[in-house]
Structures are given as C-alpha cells and as structure tokens.
Amino acid sequence: MTVPTAIERNGEQLVVTALFSVNQSDFGITPLSGLGGAVQVANTLRVRMRLVARKA
C-alpha cells in the first residue's frame, strides 16, 4: 500500500504526516454491525498519522 505523505524538516526534527482512507473489506475484514443491522460501522476508515523524529 502506498500512502501519500508530507515531510517537513523543522530544525532538529523531521515531521511526517499522512491522511488516507482504507477499506476494511480490502483486508478481509467485515465491518461490524449490531442490533440486527440497525447500527453499522462504515467500511471506509480514515487514517491520520503524524510521526516526529528527533536527533538523539
């Protein structure tokens, strides 16, 4: 899976951010449902991440 990222250098830090969507069904996961189908979780999940690396 390729994820679009933004990389920023801020002094001694490296900051990587990403925002993307994945479908649970692409990984063989059936989205949860309850109360006889009255409550369902969407198949598509939005993922947001931020990684910060600092020089040791």
N, C-alpha and C. Protein backbone atom coordinates (compact mmCIF):
# COMPACT_ATOMS: atom_id res chain seq x y z
N MET A 1 0.84 -1.17 0.00
CA MET A 1 0.00 0.00 0.00
C MET A 1 0.89 1.23 0.00
N THR A 2 0.66 2.13 -0.91
CA THR A 2 1.39 3.38 -0.98
C THR A 2 0.56 4.47 -0.31
N VAL A 3 1.18 5.22 0.58
CA VAL A 3 0.48 6.26 1.34
C VAL A 3 1.10 7.61 1.01
N PRO A 4 0.29 8.58 0.57
CA PRO A 4 0.83 9.91 0.31
C PRO A 4 1.22 10.58 1.63
N THR A 5 2.41 11.15 1.68
CA THR A 5 2.89 11.78 2.90
C THR A 5 3.43 13.17 2.62
N ALA A 6 3.50 13.96 3.67
CA ALA A 6 4.15 15.27 3.63
C ALA A 6 5.30 15.20 4.62
N ILE A 7 6.49 15.63 4.19
CA ILE A 7 7.67 15.58 5.05
C ILE A 7 8.16 17.01 5.27
N GLU A 8 8.39 17.33 6.53
CA GLU A 8 8.81 18.68 6.88
C GLU A 8 10.00 18.59 7.83
N ARG A 9 10.99 19.38 7.56
CA ARG A 9 12.15 19.46 8.45
C ARG A 9 12.02 20.74 9.25
N ASN A 10 12.08 20.59 10.57
CA ASN A 10 11.90 21.72 11.47
C ASN A 10 13.06 21.71 12.46
N GLY A 11 14.15 22.39 12.09
CA GLY A 11 15.32 22.38 12.96
C GLY A 11 15.90 20.99 13.07
N GLU A 12 15.94 20.46 14.29
CA GLU A 12 16.46 19.12 14.55
C GLU A 12 15.40 18.04 14.45
N GLN A 13 14.19 18.41 14.02
CA GLN A 13 13.08 17.45 13.92
C GLN A 13 12.73 17.17 12.47
N LEU A 14 12.25 15.96 12.24
CA LEU A 14 11.68 15.58 10.97
C LEU A 14 10.24 15.16 11.24
N VAL A 15 9.29 15.82 10.59
CA VAL A 15 7.87 15.55 10.84
C VAL A 15 7.25 14.98 9.56
N VAL A 16 6.64 13.81 9.68
CA VAL A 16 5.98 13.17 8.56
C VAL A 16 4.49 13.07 8.89
N THR A 17 3.64 13.57 8.00
CA THR A 17 2.20 13.48 8.20
C THR A 17 1.55 12.79 7.01
N ALA A 18 0.44 12.14 7.28
CA ALA A 18 -0.29 11.45 6.22
C ALA A 18 -1.77 11.42 6.58
N LEU A 19 -2.61 11.48 5.57
CA LEU A 19 -4.05 11.35 5.71
C LEU A 19 -4.53 10.50 4.54
N PHE A 20 -5.13 9.35 4.85
CA PHE A 20 -5.57 8.45 3.79
C PHE A 20 -6.74 7.61 4.28
N SER A 21 -7.37 6.93 3.35
CA SER A 21 -8.51 6.07 3.66
C SER A 21 -8.19 4.63 3.27
N VAL A 22 -8.73 3.69 4.04
CA VAL A 22 -8.62 2.27 3.71
C VAL A 22 -9.99 1.63 3.88
N ASN A 23 -10.25 0.63 3.09
CA ASN A 23 -11.48 -0.14 3.22
C ASN A 23 -11.18 -1.40 4.01
N GLN A 24 -11.95 -1.65 5.05
CA GLN A 24 -11.76 -2.86 5.84
C GLN A 24 -11.87 -4.11 4.97
N SER A 25 -12.79 -4.08 4.02
CA SER A 25 -13.03 -5.25 3.17
C SER A 25 -11.81 -5.59 2.31
N ASP A 26 -10.95 -4.60 2.02
CA ASP A 26 -9.73 -4.87 1.25
C ASP A 26 -8.77 -5.79 2.02
N PHE A 27 -8.95 -5.87 3.33
CA PHE A 27 -8.09 -6.69 4.18
C PHE A 27 -8.84 -7.90 4.73
N GLY A 28 -9.99 -8.22 4.14
CA GLY A 28 -10.75 -9.39 4.54
C GLY A 28 -11.54 -9.19 5.83
N ILE A 29 -11.75 -7.94 6.22
CA ILE A 29 -12.48 -7.64 7.46
C ILE A 29 -13.90 -7.25 7.10
N THR A 30 -14.86 -7.85 7.76
CA THR A 30 -16.26 -7.48 7.59
C THR A 30 -16.59 -6.41 8.61
N PRO A 31 -17.05 -5.23 8.15
CA PRO A 31 -17.40 -4.16 9.10
C PRO A 31 -18.43 -4.64 10.12
N LEU A 32 -18.25 -4.21 11.35
CA LEU A 32 -19.14 -4.62 12.44
C LEU A 32 -20.54 -4.06 12.26
N SER A 33 -21.51 -4.80 12.77
CA SER A 33 -22.89 -4.30 12.84
C SER A 33 -23.52 -4.89 14.10
N GLY A 34 -24.52 -4.21 14.58
CA GLY A 34 -25.19 -4.67 15.79
C GLY A 34 -26.67 -4.34 15.75
N LEU A 35 -27.39 -4.83 16.74
CA LEU A 35 -28.83 -4.60 16.85
C LEU A 35 -29.56 -4.99 15.57
N GLY A 36 -29.21 -6.16 15.04
CA GLY A 36 -29.89 -6.66 13.85
C GLY A 36 -29.61 -5.84 12.61
N GLY A 37 -28.47 -5.17 12.57
CA GLY A 37 -28.12 -4.36 11.41
C GLY A 37 -28.50 -2.89 11.55
N ALA A 38 -29.13 -2.52 12.66
CA ALA A 38 -29.55 -1.13 12.87
C ALA A 38 -28.35 -0.21 13.08
N VAL A 39 -27.27 -0.76 13.64
CA VAL A 39 -26.05 0.01 13.86
C VAL A 39 -24.93 -0.64 13.07
N GLN A 40 -24.30 0.12 12.19
CA GLN A 40 -23.24 -0.43 11.35
C GLN A 40 -22.04 0.50 11.34
N VAL A 41 -20.87 -0.11 11.23
CA VAL A 41 -19.62 0.64 11.09
C VAL A 41 -19.32 0.75 9.60
N ALA A 42 -18.91 1.93 9.17
CA ALA A 42 -18.60 2.13 7.75
C ALA A 42 -17.42 1.26 7.33
N ASN A 43 -17.43 0.84 6.09
CA ASN A 43 -16.34 0.03 5.54
C ASN A 43 -15.07 0.87 5.41
N THR A 44 -15.22 2.13 5.05
CA THR A 44 -14.06 3.00 4.83
C THR A 44 -13.63 3.66 6.14
N LEU A 45 -12.35 3.53 6.44
CA LEU A 45 -11.77 4.16 7.62
C LEU A 45 -10.80 5.24 7.18
N ARG A 46 -10.87 6.40 7.80
CA ARG A 46 -9.91 7.48 7.53
C ARG A 46 -8.79 7.38 8.56
N VAL A 47 -7.58 7.40 8.09
CA VAL A 47 -6.42 7.28 8.96
C VAL A 47 -5.60 8.57 8.85
N ARG A 48 -5.27 9.12 10.02
CA ARG A 48 -4.42 10.30 10.06
C ARG A 48 -3.26 9.98 10.99
N MET A 49 -2.04 10.26 10.52
CA MET A 49 -0.90 9.98 11.38
C MET A 49 0.12 11.11 11.29
N ARG A 50 0.86 11.24 12.36
CA ARG A 50 1.93 12.23 12.45
C ARG A 50 3.08 11.59 13.19
N LEU A 51 4.22 11.50 12.52
CA LEU A 51 5.42 10.92 13.12
C LEU A 51 6.46 12.02 13.29
N VAL A 52 7.06 12.07 14.45
CA VAL A 52 8.08 13.08 14.73
C VAL A 52 9.38 12.36 15.12
N ALA A 53 10.44 12.64 14.39
CA ALA A 53 11.75 12.08 14.69
C ALA A 53 12.65 13.22 15.15
N ARG A 54 13.33 12.97 16.25
CA ARG A 54 14.25 13.98 16.79
C ARG A 54 15.66 13.40 16.83
N LYS A 55 16.62 14.24 16.55
CA LYS A 55 18.00 13.82 16.58
C LYS A 55 18.41 13.49 18.00
N ALA A 56 19.02 12.33 18.20
CA ALA A 56 19.41 11.91 19.55
C ALA A 56 20.72 12.52 19.97
